[in-house]
Amino acid sequence: MAAAPKKPFALRLSPELMEALEKWAADEFRSVNGQIEYLVSEALKKEKRLPKKGPESG
């Protein structure tokens, strides 16, 4: 089964925020993109805002 395609978008961050995010990502052996995706996913889980998964999505 192929993974669903990801939707690209632009994100503007201050240099200070980007620097902190780069360091955090490196500390956790992730790319900056992977770190952002992880943080957003965790925030959505915490707030119970992720869509319910159907039987076909596992």
C-alpha atoms as a PDB file:
ATOM      1  CA  MET A   1       0.000   0.000   0.000  1.00  0.00           C
ATOM      2  CA  ALA A   2       1.444   3.398  -0.996  1.00  0.00           C
ATOM      3  CA  ALA A   3       1.642   6.215   1.506  1.00  0.00           C
ATOM      4  CA  ALA A   4      -0.636   9.186   0.935  1.00  0.00           C
ATOM      5  CA  PRO A   5       1.142  12.086  -0.769  1.00  0.00           C
ATOM      6  CA  LYS A   6       2.116  14.978   1.459  1.00  0.00           C
ATOM      7  CA  LYS A   7       0.921  18.486   0.689  1.00  0.00           C
ATOM      8  CA  PRO A   8       3.740  21.047   0.498  1.00  0.00           C
ATOM      9  CA  PHE A   9       3.358  24.563   1.901  1.00  0.00           C
ATOM     10  CA  ALA A  10       5.573  27.515   2.762  1.00  0.00           C
ATOM     11  CA  LEU A  11       6.301  28.404   6.371  1.00  0.00           C
ATOM     12  CA  ARG A  12       7.976  31.630   7.443  1.00  0.00           C
ATOM     13  CA  LEU A  13       9.859  31.586  10.756  1.00  0.00           C
ATOM     14  CA  SER A  14      12.043  34.127  12.485  1.00  0.00           C
ATOM     15  CA  PRO A  15      15.767  33.328  12.345  1.00  0.00           C
ATOM     16  CA  GLU A  16      15.776  32.719  16.104  1.00  0.00           C
ATOM     17  CA  LEU A  17      12.878  30.277  15.916  1.00  0.00           C
ATOM     18  CA  MET A  18      14.441  28.473  12.950  1.00  0.00           C
ATOM     19  CA  GLU A  19      17.774  28.155  14.757  1.00  0.00           C
ATOM     20  CA  ALA A  20      16.097  26.679  17.842  1.00  0.00           C
ATOM     21  CA  LEU A  21      14.055  24.301  15.683  1.00  0.00           C
ATOM     22  CA  GLU A  22      17.155  23.162  13.765  1.00  0.00           C
ATOM     23  CA  LYS A  23      18.953  22.386  17.016  1.00  0.00           C
ATOM     24  CA  TRP A  24      15.974  20.539  18.463  1.00  0.00           C
ATOM     25  CA  ALA A  25      15.590  18.494  15.276  1.00  0.00           C
ATOM     26  CA  ALA A  26      19.298  17.604  15.269  1.00  0.00           C
ATOM     27  CA  ASP A  27      19.115  16.604  18.946  1.00  0.00           C
ATOM     28  CA  GLU A  28      16.340  14.142  18.070  1.00  0.00           C
ATOM     29  CA  PHE A  29      17.952  12.931  14.811  1.00  0.00           C
ATOM     30  CA  ARG A  30      15.181  14.386  12.645  1.00  0.00           C
ATOM     31  CA  SER A  31      15.107  16.778   9.737  1.00  0.00           C
ATOM     32  CA  VAL A  32      13.555  20.170  10.437  1.00  0.00           C
ATOM     33  CA  ASN A  33      10.594  19.132   8.297  1.00  0.00           C
ATOM     34  CA  GLY A  34      10.283  15.880  10.252  1.00  0.00           C
ATOM     35  CA  GLN A  35      10.469  17.761  13.546  1.00  0.00           C
ATOM     36  CA  ILE A  36       7.717  20.181  12.515  1.00  0.00           C
ATOM     37  CA  GLU A  37       5.546  17.280  11.359  1.00  0.00           C
ATOM     38  CA  TYR A  38       6.167  15.458  14.659  1.00  0.00           C
ATOM     39  CA  LEU A  39       5.343  18.531  16.770  1.00  0.00           C
ATOM     40  CA  VAL A  40       2.142  19.294  14.866  1.00  0.00           C
ATOM     41  CA  SER A  41       1.074  15.656  15.027  1.00  0.00           C
ATOM     42  CA  GLU A  42       1.674  15.486  18.781  1.00  0.00           C
ATOM     43  CA  ALA A  43      -0.234  18.740  19.359  1.00  0.00           C
ATOM     44  CA  LEU A  44      -3.169  17.455  17.301  1.00  0.00           C
ATOM     45  CA  LYS A  45      -3.190  14.159  19.234  1.00  0.00           C
ATOM     46  CA  LYS A  46      -3.083  15.992  22.553  1.00  0.00           C
ATOM     47  CA  GLU A  47      -6.062  18.153  21.589  1.00  0.00           C
ATOM     48  CA  LYS A  48      -7.914  15.158  20.076  1.00  0.00           C
ATOM     49  CA  ARG A  49      -8.146  16.919  16.722  1.00  0.00           C
ATOM     50  CA  LEU A  50      -6.824  14.167  14.467  1.00  0.00           C
ATOM     51  CA  PRO A  51      -9.451  12.604  12.208  1.00  0.00           C
ATOM     52  CA  LYS A  52     -10.634   9.145  13.190  1.00  0.00           C
ATOM     53  CA  LYS A  53      -8.904   6.379  11.229  1.00  0.00           C
ATOM     54  CA  GLY A  54     -11.112   4.000   9.309  1.00  0.00           C
ATOM     55  CA  PRO A  55     -10.453   0.269   8.960  1.00  0.00           C
ATOM     56  CA  GLU A  56      -8.784   0.802   5.572  1.00  0.00           C
ATOM     57  CA  SER A  57      -6.154   3.211   6.969  1.00  0.00           C
ATOM     58  CA  GLY A  58      -4.984   0.799   9.661  1.00  0.00           C
END
